[in-house]
């Protein structure tokens, strides 16, 4: 299998409070580029922000009855994942599984992207979110 073509999309940032993190990121030059999105499928509240250089972050907080992010919130916030758009999600997931990555969740429909996503993890790296690019 050939290495899939990955296009960097954003940095996922887990937080106990999307509101508090929004205030912090605004103070360092980020602006909101989406409304808040409650994704019951994934159990998270999402807000996208972008800075002047084009770096995009996704703030993620647990929805009230969810604890999906708890294991990543040791200090109340932090890097959660690196996200990449891919043209063929099934092929890309198969490639990384064949190369030792573990599927943590998915493929599952994500409201924020209106497509399927899959979360993977290697032994020595952060979580990777693959977003099926339907364009």
Protein backbone atom coordinates (compact mmCIF):
# COMPACT_ATOMS: atom_id res chain seq x y z
CA UNK A 1 0.00 0.00 0.00
CA UNK A 2 1.19 3.52 -0.83
CA UNK A 3 1.36 6.21 1.85
CA UNK A 4 -1.97 8.10 1.76
CA UNK A 5 -2.01 11.77 0.81
CA UNK A 6 -2.77 13.71 4.02
CA UNK A 7 -3.70 17.40 4.01
CA UNK A 8 -3.27 19.07 7.43
CA UNK A 9 -6.53 20.61 8.64
CA UNK A 10 -6.38 21.59 12.33
CA UNK A 11 -5.14 21.00 15.88
CA UNK A 12 -7.69 19.58 18.30
CA UNK A 13 -7.52 21.14 21.77
CA UNK A 14 -9.43 19.42 24.59
CA UNK A 15 -10.71 21.69 27.32
CA UNK A 16 -13.00 21.60 30.35
CA UNK A 17 -14.48 24.91 29.18
CA UNK A 18 -14.85 25.88 25.53
CA UNK A 19 -15.89 29.36 26.75
CA UNK A 20 -12.74 29.91 28.85
CA UNK A 21 -10.49 28.56 26.10
CA UNK A 22 -12.19 30.80 23.54
CA UNK A 23 -11.28 33.83 25.68
CA UNK A 24 -7.65 32.70 25.93
CA UNK A 25 -7.23 32.00 22.22
CA UNK A 26 -8.85 35.35 21.33
CA UNK A 27 -6.25 37.04 23.56
CA UNK A 28 -3.45 35.59 21.40
CA UNK A 29 -4.97 36.54 18.05
CA UNK A 30 -7.37 33.73 17.14
CA UNK A 31 -10.86 34.52 15.82
CA UNK A 32 -13.93 32.29 15.76
CA UNK A 33 -14.56 30.72 12.36
CA UNK A 34 -17.61 28.63 13.29
CA UNK A 35 -20.55 28.61 15.63
CA UNK A 36 -20.44 26.24 18.59
CA UNK A 37 -21.52 22.78 17.47
CA UNK A 38 -22.93 20.13 19.81
CA UNK A 39 -22.14 16.73 18.28
CA UNK A 40 -24.15 14.13 20.21
CA UNK A 41 -22.60 11.38 18.03
CA UNK A 42 -19.13 12.20 19.34
CA UNK A 43 -20.22 13.51 22.76
CA UNK A 44 -18.47 16.87 22.36
CA UNK A 45 -19.08 20.60 21.99
CA UNK A 46 -16.88 22.08 19.23
CA UNK A 47 -15.72 25.56 18.27
CA UNK A 48 -13.26 26.29 15.45
CA UNK A 49 -10.89 29.28 15.62
CA UNK A 50 -8.22 30.52 13.22
CA UNK A 51 -5.29 32.94 13.48
CA UNK A 52 -3.89 35.40 10.92
CA UNK A 53 -1.35 32.85 9.65
CA UNK A 54 -4.11 30.33 8.88
CA UNK A 55 -3.54 27.96 11.80
CA UNK A 56 -6.89 26.44 12.74
CA UNK A 57 -7.73 24.97 16.13
CA UNK A 58 -10.76 22.98 17.21
CA UNK A 59 -11.77 23.53 20.82
CA UNK A 60 -13.49 20.43 22.21
CA UNK A 61 -15.36 20.07 25.48
CA UNK A 62 -17.50 17.25 26.85
CA UNK A 63 -21.24 17.58 26.41
CA UNK A 64 -23.06 17.47 29.80
CA UNK A 65 -23.63 13.68 29.85
CA UNK A 66 -20.30 12.76 28.19
CA UNK A 67 -16.88 11.92 29.60
CA UNK A 68 -15.16 11.10 26.29
CA UNK A 69 -12.43 13.72 26.83
CA UNK A 70 -11.80 13.13 30.55
CA UNK A 71 -8.66 11.04 30.04
CA UNK A 72 -7.10 13.91 28.07
CA UNK A 73 -7.96 16.65 30.56
CA UNK A 74 -5.29 16.06 33.22
CA UNK A 75 -4.63 19.80 33.64
CA UNK A 76 -8.01 20.90 32.33
CA UNK A 77 -6.83 21.38 28.75
CA UNK A 78 -4.29 20.30 26.15
CA UNK A 79 -3.42 18.91 22.76
CA UNK A 80 -5.98 16.30 21.83
CA UNK A 81 -5.27 15.46 18.19
CA UNK A 82 -3.79 16.47 14.85
CA UNK A 83 -6.36 16.36 12.05
CA UNK A 84 -5.90 15.62 8.37
CA UNK A 85 -8.28 15.55 5.42
CA UNK A 86 -8.11 12.45 3.22
CA UNK A 87 -9.85 11.57 -0.04
CA UNK A 88 -10.30 7.85 0.75
CA UNK A 89 -11.00 7.25 4.43
CA UNK A 90 -11.31 3.46 4.18
CA UNK A 91 -7.98 3.12 2.37
CA UNK A 92 -6.20 5.49 4.76
CA UNK A 93 -7.53 3.72 7.87
CA UNK A 94 -6.52 0.34 6.42
CA UNK A 95 -3.03 1.66 5.63
CA UNK A 96 -2.42 2.96 9.14
CA UNK A 97 -3.90 -0.13 10.80
CA UNK A 98 -1.52 -2.23 8.70
CA UNK A 99 1.30 -0.01 9.99
CA UNK A 100 0.54 -0.48 13.68
CA UNK A 101 -1.94 2.30 14.41
CA UNK A 102 -4.89 1.48 16.66
CA UNK A 103 -8.40 2.68 15.78
CA UNK A 104 -9.81 4.50 18.81
CA UNK A 105 -13.15 5.54 17.35
CA UNK A 106 -14.84 5.37 14.00
CA UNK A 107 -15.34 5.70 11.23
CA UNK A 108 -18.23 7.76 12.57
CA UNK A 109 -20.25 10.65 11.16
CA UNK A 110 -19.13 14.08 12.45
CA UNK A 111 -21.58 16.98 12.23
CA UNK A 112 -18.81 19.60 12.06
CA UNK A 113 -17.49 18.18 8.78
CA UNK A 114 -20.67 16.57 7.45
CA UNK A 115 -18.60 13.50 6.67
CA UNK A 116 -17.07 10.55 8.46
CA UNK A 117 -14.02 10.78 10.70
CA UNK A 118 -11.80 8.20 12.34
CA UNK A 119 -9.47 8.60 15.31
CA UNK A 120 -6.22 6.61 15.30
CA UNK A 121 -3.23 6.38 17.62
CA UNK A 122 0.30 5.08 17.20
CA UNK A 123 2.46 3.90 20.08
CA UNK A 124 4.71 6.98 20.00
CA UNK A 125 2.52 9.83 18.82
CA UNK A 126 -0.59 11.89 19.39
CA UNK A 127 -4.08 10.95 18.29
CA UNK A 128 -4.67 11.47 14.58
CA UNK A 129 -8.10 12.43 13.28
CA UNK A 130 -8.76 11.51 9.66
CA UNK A 131 -11.55 13.50 8.01
CA UNK A 132 -13.10 12.19 4.83
CA UNK A 133 -12.87 15.04 2.30
CA UNK A 134 -15.96 14.85 0.14
CA UNK A 135 -15.06 17.87 -2.04
